[in-house]
Amino acid sequence: MLRTIAAFDRIGEENAFAVLARANALAAQGRDIINLGIGQPDFRTPDFIVEAAIKALRDGHHGYTPATGIPALREAVAADLHKRFAVAVSPDSVMIMPGGKPTMFMSILMFGEPGAEIMYPDPGFPIYRSMIEFTGATPVPIPIREENGFAFSAEETLRLITPNTRLMILNSPANPTGGVTPKNEVDRLIAGLARWPDVAIMSDEIYDHMVYDGEAHVCLLSYPEIRDRLILLNGWSKTYAMTGWRLGYAVWPGKLYDYARKLAVNLHSCVNASAQYAGLAALTGPQDEVVKMIAEFDRRRKVVVEGLNKLPGVSCTTPKGAFYAFPNIKRTGWKAKPLAASLLEEAGVAIIGGPDFGILGEGYVRLSYANSTENILKALARMGEFLANRKAA
């Protein structure tokens, strides 16, 4: 029998893709399936971005690019961050990545080893914990609680730091909860981190455009006191409906940049050229489609929250960001994963059980409102009928 290293027994995955596969399989059998599970915009990539990629191919951009990304795109990222957040970012600290996950992978790999502790949001994106465990480090959950509006508590987070803490992962606006941590809470956290100068921070800000109700995104690059230990993760997938293009970026501090460059050379060589030219067009071109998409998500958000709060045994805190709702289903009598599985198989509605996002996810499910209002209303009606007539398994 083939022998592999023990670390591969510790690696997890993202169950949203398993739910997507099952939903697609049921649809292929002729079932009417409404997918509120997968986290990707249901909009097309804007045409001018697609045309930029086509032009790049026609212009002969078929070869390798620098491992760190084409200079024009790194400059555009730096300019965009300066324009939106009034922060000075050198293009030489920007690295273009094939999506967001490689930045997570590299960051956790740099700091994770047996004996180290890495803090991450719970409930949170499942790849955080998966990669922490893969490295042999100890995962330390940062509780993300409904009673706190699904924002982290600075006081509670700071209490979890120990001399073994190497890296803290933060995510706002957040997946799966839609929570947005307010600036005063971020301020308190950054002030408290002064006592822990050796703790690095990875800030996952992939949903930074998607904030509602007058909220403003707090970019951690705005705090100069942590810039020498801050890794910023962002990209094009959510904002420009480009999930399949696999295009992201990171801003790295100091010598970590060269470590990341070497990992890129070993791992993926470079990001494909035409996608980078598409990303350049996205950042420098008109933002009208982004504004329209976010306005539509906002409308759907209100429909989802209103509908969920009418379902028997369900309550839903209004999400302030991203395109997810994370309703509380404890009063239904169902455990989250059996409910999600039964809704898919029996009612044709795909959602994700909260425990797929962490230990504290039990009692909740995640719905993505990256689907049409018509389909959302149909899904809510099916869920209501199911909960009214089907007792917990």
Protein backbone atom coordinates (compact mmCIF):
# COMPACT_ATOMS: atom_id res chain seq x y z
CA MET A 1 0.00 0.00 0.00
CA LEU A 2 1.20 3.52 -0.79
CA ARG A 3 2.49 5.45 2.18
CA THR A 4 1.72 9.13 2.56
CA ILE A 5 2.76 11.55 5.26
CA ALA A 6 0.42 11.85 8.23
CA ALA A 7 -0.36 15.49 7.46
CA PHE A 8 -2.61 14.42 4.60
CA ASP A 9 -4.89 12.64 7.05
CA ARG A 10 -5.46 15.98 8.74
CA ILE A 11 -6.40 18.00 5.68
CA GLY A 12 -10.06 18.93 5.30
CA GLU A 13 -12.07 20.43 2.46
CA GLU A 14 -14.86 22.83 1.62
CA ASN A 15 -18.21 21.04 1.82
CA ALA A 16 -19.94 23.69 -0.30
CA PHE A 17 -18.39 21.96 -3.32
CA ALA A 18 -19.77 18.58 -2.23
CA VAL A 19 -23.23 20.12 -1.85
CA LEU A 20 -22.84 21.72 -5.29
CA ALA A 21 -21.92 18.34 -6.80
CA ARG A 22 -24.95 16.66 -5.21
CA ALA A 23 -27.25 19.49 -6.29
CA ASN A 24 -25.95 19.19 -9.85
CA ALA A 25 -26.41 15.41 -9.78
CA LEU A 26 -30.03 15.77 -8.65
CA ALA A 27 -30.63 18.42 -11.32
CA ALA A 28 -29.19 16.05 -13.94
CA GLN A 29 -31.83 13.52 -12.85
CA GLY A 30 -34.53 16.06 -13.70
CA ARG A 31 -35.09 17.44 -10.20
CA ASP A 32 -35.88 21.14 -9.80
CA ILE A 33 -33.04 22.31 -7.55
CA ILE A 34 -32.58 25.85 -6.20
CA ASN A 35 -28.98 26.34 -5.18
CA LEU A 36 -28.45 28.72 -2.27
CA GLY A 37 -25.32 26.88 -1.24
CA ILE A 38 -22.40 27.94 -3.36
CA GLY A 39 -20.71 31.27 -2.66
CA GLN A 40 -20.38 32.85 -6.06
CA PRO A 41 -22.21 35.73 -7.75
CA ASP A 42 -24.88 34.66 -10.23
CA PHE A 43 -23.92 37.53 -12.53
CA ARG A 44 -21.76 37.37 -15.64
CA THR A 45 -18.33 38.89 -15.62
CA PRO A 46 -18.82 42.36 -17.19
CA ASP A 47 -18.30 42.25 -20.95
CA PHE A 48 -15.47 44.79 -21.05
CA ILE A 49 -13.44 42.57 -18.71
CA VAL A 50 -14.03 39.51 -20.89
CA GLU A 51 -13.04 41.52 -23.96
CA ALA A 52 -9.79 42.58 -22.29
CA ALA A 53 -8.86 38.93 -21.78
CA ILE A 54 -9.71 38.10 -25.40
CA LYS A 55 -7.66 41.06 -26.62
CA ALA A 56 -4.71 39.93 -24.49
CA LEU A 57 -4.80 36.53 -26.15
CA ARG A 58 -5.12 38.05 -29.61
CA ASP A 59 -2.24 40.39 -28.83
CA GLY A 60 -0.01 37.41 -28.11
CA HIS A 61 0.11 37.33 -24.31
CA HIS A 62 0.50 33.56 -24.28
CA GLY A 63 3.62 33.05 -22.22
CA TYR A 64 4.87 33.12 -18.66
CA THR A 65 4.54 36.31 -16.65
CA PRO A 66 6.60 37.29 -13.60
CA ALA A 67 5.82 35.03 -10.64
CA THR A 68 4.61 38.11 -8.76
CA GLY A 69 2.29 39.30 -11.55
CA ILE A 70 2.57 41.75 -14.42
CA PRO A 71 3.84 45.17 -13.24
CA ALA A 72 0.84 47.09 -14.61
CA LEU A 73 -1.59 44.98 -12.59
CA ARG A 74 0.41 45.29 -9.37
CA GLU A 75 0.49 49.05 -9.91
CA ALA A 76 -3.28 49.08 -10.50
CA VAL A 77 -3.91 47.15 -7.27
CA ALA A 78 -1.78 49.62 -5.31
CA ALA A 79 -3.59 52.56 -6.92
CA ASP A 80 -7.01 51.05 -6.21
CA LEU A 81 -6.19 50.51 -2.53
CA HIS A 82 -4.94 54.08 -2.28
CA LYS A 83 -8.04 55.44 -3.99
CA ARG A 84 -10.49 53.52 -1.81
CA PHE A 85 -8.75 53.58 1.56
CA ALA A 86 -6.17 56.39 1.34
CA VAL A 87 -3.35 53.96 2.12
CA ALA A 88 0.09 54.02 0.52
CA VAL A 89 0.92 50.61 -0.94
CA SER A 90 4.03 49.89 -2.96
CA PRO A 91 3.42 47.78 -6.07
CA ASP A 92 6.52 45.87 -4.96
CA SER A 93 4.53 44.53 -1.98
CA VAL A 94 1.65 43.32 -4.18
CA MET A 95 1.59 39.77 -5.48
CA ILE A 96 -0.94 38.49 -8.02
CA MET A 97 -2.27 35.07 -7.05
CA PRO A 98 -4.40 32.35 -8.68
CA GLY A 99 -7.39 33.10 -6.44
CA GLY A 100 -7.63 33.76 -2.72
CA LYS A 101 -6.81 30.34 -1.31
CA PRO A 102 -3.10 30.36 -2.25
CA THR A 103 -2.61 33.38 0.04
CA MET A 104 -4.25 31.44 2.87
CA PHE A 105 -2.11 28.41 2.05
CA MET A 106 1.14 30.36 1.97
CA SER A 107 0.39 32.43 5.08
CA ILE A 108 -0.53 29.45 7.21
CA LEU A 109 2.40 27.43 5.84
CA MET A 110 4.81 30.20 6.83
CA PHE A 111 3.67 30.24 10.46
CA GLY A 112 2.22 26.80 11.09
CA GLU A 113 4.20 23.98 12.68
CA PRO A 114 3.79 21.67 15.68
CA GLY A 115 3.78 23.76 18.86
CA ALA A 116 2.55 26.90 17.12
CA GLU A 117 -0.96 28.28 17.55
CA ILE A 118 -2.93 29.95 14.77
CA MET A 119 -6.16 31.81 15.50
CA TYR A 120 -9.03 31.80 13.02
CA PRO A 121 -12.73 32.81 12.93
CA ASP A 122 -15.33 30.22 13.98
CA PRO A 123 -17.74 30.02 12.23
CA GLY A 124 -15.45 30.87 9.35
CA PHE A 125 -14.20 29.81 5.95
CA PRO A 126 -13.37 26.10 6.38
CA ILE A 127 -10.02 26.22 4.60
CA TYR A 128 -8.53 28.23 7.47
CA ARG A 129 -8.80 25.38 9.97
CA SER A 130 -8.03 22.73 7.36
CA MET A 131 -4.70 24.31 6.48
CA ILE A 132 -3.80 25.02 10.11
CA GLU A 133 -4.27 21.35 10.98
CA PHE A 134 -2.35 20.31 7.89
CA THR A 135 0.74 22.17 9.12
CA GLY A 136 0.53 20.52 12.54
CA ALA A 137 -0.18 23.82 14.31
CA THR A 138 -2.93 24.07 16.92
CA PRO A 139 -6.08 25.79 15.62
CA VAL A 140 -7.49 28.33 18.10
CA PRO A 141 -11.05 29.42 17.24
CA ILE A 142 -11.99 33.10 17.52
CA PRO A 143 -15.68 32.94 18.49
CA ILE A 144 -17.97 34.75 16.06
CA ARG A 145 -21.22 35.10 17.99
CA GLU A 146 -24.72 36.01 16.84
CA GLU A 147 -25.27 38.19 19.92
CA ASN A 148 -22.32 40.31 18.76
CA GLY A 149 -23.79 40.80 15.30
CA PHE A 150 -21.43 38.11 13.98
CA ALA A 151 -18.48 40.45 14.54
CA PHE A 152 -15.45 39.37 16.53
CA SER A 153 -15.02 40.72 20.04
CA ALA A 154 -11.64 42.42 20.46
CA GLU A 155 -11.58 41.67 24.18
CA GLU A 156 -12.37 37.99 23.72
CA THR A 157 -9.93 37.66 20.81
CA LEU A 158 -7.05 39.25 22.70
CA ARG A 159 -7.60 36.90 25.65
CA LEU A 160 -6.92 33.93 23.36
CA ILE A 161 -3.39 35.03 22.44
CA THR A 162 -0.56 33.10 24.09
CA PRO A 163 3.23 33.12 23.68
CA ASN A 164 2.73 30.30 21.13
CA THR A 165 0.45 32.37 18.88
CA ARG A 166 2.09 32.95 15.51
CA LEU A 167 -0.74 34.10 13.25
CA MET A 168 -4.22 35.58 13.62
CA ILE A 169 -6.68 35.24 10.73
CA LEU A 170 -9.45 37.84 10.47
CA ASN A 171 -12.31 38.10 7.98
CA SER A 172 -14.71 41.02 7.59
CA PRO A 173 -17.12 41.15 5.81
CA ALA A 174 -17.37 37.53 6.78
CA ASN A 175 -18.15 34.19 5.23
CA PRO A 176 -20.41 32.43 6.30
CA THR A 177 -22.20 34.90 8.56
CA GLY A 178 -22.25 38.15 6.59
CA GLY A 179 -20.96 39.85 9.74
CA VAL A 180 -19.07 43.13 9.54
CA THR A 181 -16.82 44.08 12.45
CA PRO A 182 -17.24 47.80 13.29
CA LYS A 183 -14.27 50.14 13.36
CA ASN A 184 -14.34 50.70 17.11
CA GLU A 185 -13.91 46.96 17.68
CA VAL A 186 -11.08 46.79 15.14
CA ASP A 187 -9.44 49.79 16.86
CA ARG A 188 -9.54 47.99 20.20
CA LEU A 189 -8.03 44.86 18.70
CA ILE A 190 -5.17 46.72 17.01
CA ALA A 191 -4.42 48.63 20.22
CA GLY A 192 -4.30 45.37 22.17
CA LEU A 193 -2.01 43.73 19.62
CA ALA A 194 0.72 46.21 20.57
CA ARG A 195 1.44 43.87 23.48
CA TRP A 196 2.01 41.01 21.03
CA PRO A 197 4.42 42.35 18.37
CA ASP A 198 5.36 38.86 17.13
CA VAL A 199 1.82 37.86 16.14
CA ALA A 200 1.26 38.17 12.38
CA ILE A 201 -2.18 38.99 10.97
CA MET A 202 -3.78 37.72 7.79
CA SER A 203 -6.80 39.83 6.88
CA ASP A 204 -9.18 38.21 4.39
CA GLU A 205 -10.99 41.16 2.79
CA ILE A 206 -12.34 39.45 -0.33
CA TYR A 207 -15.86 40.88 0.31
CA ASP A 208 -14.67 44.43 0.98
CA HIS A 209 -16.99 46.03 -1.60
CA MET A 210 -20.07 44.26 -0.23
CA VAL A 211 -21.22 46.26 2.78
CA TYR A 212 -24.74 47.56 3.43
CA ASP A 213 -26.80 49.85 5.65
CA GLY A 214 -24.28 52.66 5.52
CA GLU A 215 -21.45 50.51 6.89
CA ALA A 216 -17.91 51.24 5.70
CA HIS A 217 -15.32 48.56 5.20
CA VAL A 218 -12.37 48.83 7.58
CA CYS A 219 -9.22 47.89 5.69
CA LEU A 220 -6.45 46.75 8.02
CA LEU A 221 -3.87 48.45 5.79
CA SER A 222 -5.18 51.63 7.42
CA TYR A 223 -3.32 50.77 10.64
CA PRO A 224 0.37 51.66 10.16
CA GLU A 225 1.31 50.07 13.49
CA ILE A 226 0.68 46.56 12.09
CA ARG A 227 1.79 47.03 8.48
CA ASP A 228 5.10 45.22 9.14
CA ARG A 229 3.20 42.03 10.08
CA LEU A 230 0.00 42.29 8.04
CA ILE A 231 -0.87 40.05 5.08
CA LEU A 232 -3.84 41.34 3.09
CA LEU A 233 -5.90 38.91 1.00
CA ASN A 234 -8.21 40.20 -1.70
CA GLY A 235 -9.13 39.63 -5.32
CA TRP A 236 -11.58 39.83 -8.17
CA SER A 237 -13.77 36.75 -7.63
CA LYS A 238 -16.66 38.27 -5.69
CA THR A 239 -16.55 41.93 -6.67
CA TYR A 240 -16.38 41.36 -10.43
CA ALA A 241 -18.16 37.96 -10.62
CA MET A 242 -14.90 36.29 -11.64
CA THR A 243 -14.80 33.17 -9.46
CA GLY A 244 -13.83 30.90 -12.34
CA TRP A 245 -11.01 33.14 -13.51
CA ARG A 246 -8.96 32.25 -10.40
CA LEU A 247 -7.48 35.67 -9.84
CA GLY A 248 -6.58 37.22 -6.51
CA TYR A 249 -3.90 39.31 -4.89
CA ALA A 250 -2.04 39.69 -1.64
CA VAL A 251 -0.12 42.54 -0.04
CA TRP A 252 2.86 41.13 1.88
CA PRO A 253 5.07 42.79 4.47
CA GLY A 254 8.87 42.88 4.44
CA LYS A 255 10.75 39.67 3.87
CA LEU A 256 7.52 37.63 3.72
CA TYR A 257 7.13 38.89 0.16
CA ASP A 258 10.18 37.01 -1.04
CA TYR A 259 9.10 33.87 0.80
CA ALA A 260 5.75 34.12 -1.01
CA ARG A 261 7.51 34.71 -4.34
CA LYS A 262 9.59 31.57 -3.88
CA LEU A 263 6.50 29.56 -2.94
CA ALA A 264 4.78 30.89 -6.08
CA VAL A 265 7.72 29.80 -8.24
CA ASN A 266 7.59 26.33 -6.69
CA LEU A 267 3.82 26.03 -6.72
CA HIS A 268 2.20 27.69 -9.74
CA SER A 269 4.99 29.61 -11.56
CA CYS A 270 2.69 32.52 -12.35
CA VAL A 271 -0.93 33.48 -12.90
CA ASN A 272 -2.17 33.06 -16.46
CA ALA A 273 -1.55 36.15 -18.55
CA SER A 274 -4.98 36.78 -20.06
CA ALA A 275 -6.68 36.69 -16.64
CA GLN A 276 -4.24 39.32 -15.40
CA TYR A 277 -5.12 41.64 -18.27
CA ALA A 278 -8.79 41.06 -17.44
CA GLY A 279 -8.06 42.00 -13.83
CA LEU A 280 -6.31 45.16 -15.01
CA ALA A 281 -9.37 46.16 -17.03
CA ALA A 282 -11.62 45.45 -14.04
CA LEU A 283 -9.71 47.79 -11.72
CA THR A 284 -9.16 50.60 -14.21
CA GLY A 285 -12.46 50.43 -16.09
CA PRO A 286 -16.00 51.56 -15.22
CA GLN A 287 -17.41 50.28 -11.92
CA ASP A 288 -21.09 50.60 -12.91
CA GLU A 289 -21.70 46.85 -13.01
CA VAL A 290 -20.20 46.42 -9.55
CA VAL A 291 -22.51 49.09 -8.15
CA LYS A 292 -25.54 47.46 -9.80
CA MET A 293 -24.61 44.00 -8.54
CA ILE A 294 -24.17 45.14 -4.95
CA ALA A 295 -27.45 47.06 -5.06
CA GLU A 296 -29.17 43.88 -6.25
CA PHE A 297 -27.54 41.84 -3.47
CA ASP A 298 -28.82 44.43 -1.00
CA ARG A 299 -32.38 44.03 -2.32
CA ARG A 300 -32.15 40.25 -2.10
CA ARG A 301 -30.67 40.46 1.38
CA LYS A 302 -33.82 42.17 2.62
CA VAL A 303 -36.03 39.56 0.95
CA VAL A 304 -34.02 36.72 2.47
CA VAL A 305 -34.01 38.11 6.01
CA GLU A 306 -37.71 38.92 5.96
CA GLY A 307 -38.56 35.48 4.58
CA LEU A 308 -36.33 33.54 6.97
CA ASN A 309 -37.80 35.30 9.99
CA LYS A 310 -41.26 34.09 8.94
CA LEU A 311 -40.24 30.42 8.86
CA PRO A 312 -41.28 28.26 11.82
CA GLY A 313 -38.50 27.98 14.38
CA VAL A 314 -36.11 30.19 12.40
CA SER A 315 -34.66 33.60 13.24
CA CYS A 316 -32.14 35.57 11.21
CA THR A 317 -29.88 38.43 12.20
CA THR A 318 -29.56 40.93 9.35
CA PRO A 319 -26.16 40.46 7.67
CA LYS A 320 -24.21 43.66 7.11
CA GLY A 321 -21.93 42.39 4.33
CA ALA A 322 -21.03 39.73 1.74
CA PHE A 323 -23.97 37.81 0.22
CA TYR A 324 -24.78 35.28 2.93
CA ALA A 325 -27.41 34.91 5.62
CA PHE A 326 -26.70 32.71 8.64
CA PRO A 327 -30.08 32.00 10.25
CA ASN A 328 -30.52 30.40 13.66
CA ILE A 329 -32.48 27.13 13.33
CA LYS A 330 -32.21 25.89 16.93
CA ARG A 331 -35.93 26.20 17.64
CA THR A 332 -36.81 23.95 14.69
CA GLY A 333 -35.50 20.91 16.59
CA TRP A 334 -33.21 20.02 13.70
CA LYS A 335 -29.44 19.71 13.77
CA ALA A 336 -27.95 21.84 11.03
CA LYS A 337 -26.36 19.27 8.71
CA PRO A 338 -29.31 16.83 8.71
CA LEU A 339 -31.62 19.76 7.98
CA ALA A 340 -29.46 20.93 5.09
CA ALA A 341 -29.24 17.40 3.66
CA SER A 342 -33.00 16.81 3.97
CA LEU A 343 -33.87 20.15 2.40
CA LEU A 344 -31.75 19.28 -0.61
CA GLU A 345 -33.01 15.71 -1.04
CA GLU A 346 -36.68 16.31 -0.22
CA ALA A 347 -37.37 19.97 -0.99
CA GLY A 348 -34.80 20.67 -3.68
CA VAL A 349 -33.13 23.53 -1.81
CA ALA A 350 -29.33 23.51 -1.45
CA ILE A 351 -27.93 25.24 1.65
CA ILE A 352 -24.90 24.55 3.86
CA GLY A 353 -25.01 23.31 7.45
CA GLY A 354 -23.31 25.61 9.96
CA PRO A 355 -20.91 22.95 11.33
CA ASP A 356 -19.19 22.92 7.93
CA PHE A 357 -17.85 26.32 8.99
CA GLY A 358 -16.71 25.41 12.48
CA ILE A 359 -17.55 24.08 15.91
CA LEU A 360 -19.70 27.11 16.73
CA GLY A 361 -21.72 26.70 13.53
CA GLU A 362 -24.14 24.15 15.01
CA GLY A 363 -27.64 25.56 15.21
CA TYR A 364 -27.19 27.63 12.05
CA VAL A 365 -27.26 27.17 8.28
CA ARG A 366 -25.79 29.31 5.53
CA LEU A 367 -27.81 30.61 2.61
CA SER A 368 -26.21 32.46 -0.27
CA TYR A 369 -28.48 35.06 -1.81
CA ALA A 370 -26.41 35.02 -4.99
CA ASN A 371 -29.48 33.79 -6.84
CA SER A 372 -32.50 35.49 -8.37
CA THR A 373 -35.21 36.96 -6.15
CA GLU A 374 -37.69 34.64 -7.85
CA ASN A 375 -35.65 31.58 -6.90
CA ILE A 376 -35.04 32.88 -3.38
CA LEU A 377 -38.78 33.29 -2.81
CA LYS A 378 -39.44 29.79 -4.19
CA ALA A 379 -36.74 28.35 -1.94
CA LEU A 380 -38.15 30.10 1.14
CA ALA A 381 -41.63 28.76 0.33
CA ARG A 382 -40.24 25.22 0.02
CA MET A 383 -38.35 25.59 3.29
CA GLY A 384 -41.47 26.84 5.05
CA GLU A 385 -43.55 23.92 3.79
CA PHE A 386 -40.83 21.45 4.75
CA LEU A 387 -40.46 22.81 8.29
CA ALA A 388 -44.21 22.91 8.80
CA ASN A 389 -44.71 19.30 7.80
CA ARG A 390 -41.50 17.44 8.57
CA LYS A 391 -40.33 16.74 12.09
CA ALA A 392 -36.65 16.62 12.95
CA ALA A 393 -34.96 13.36 12.09
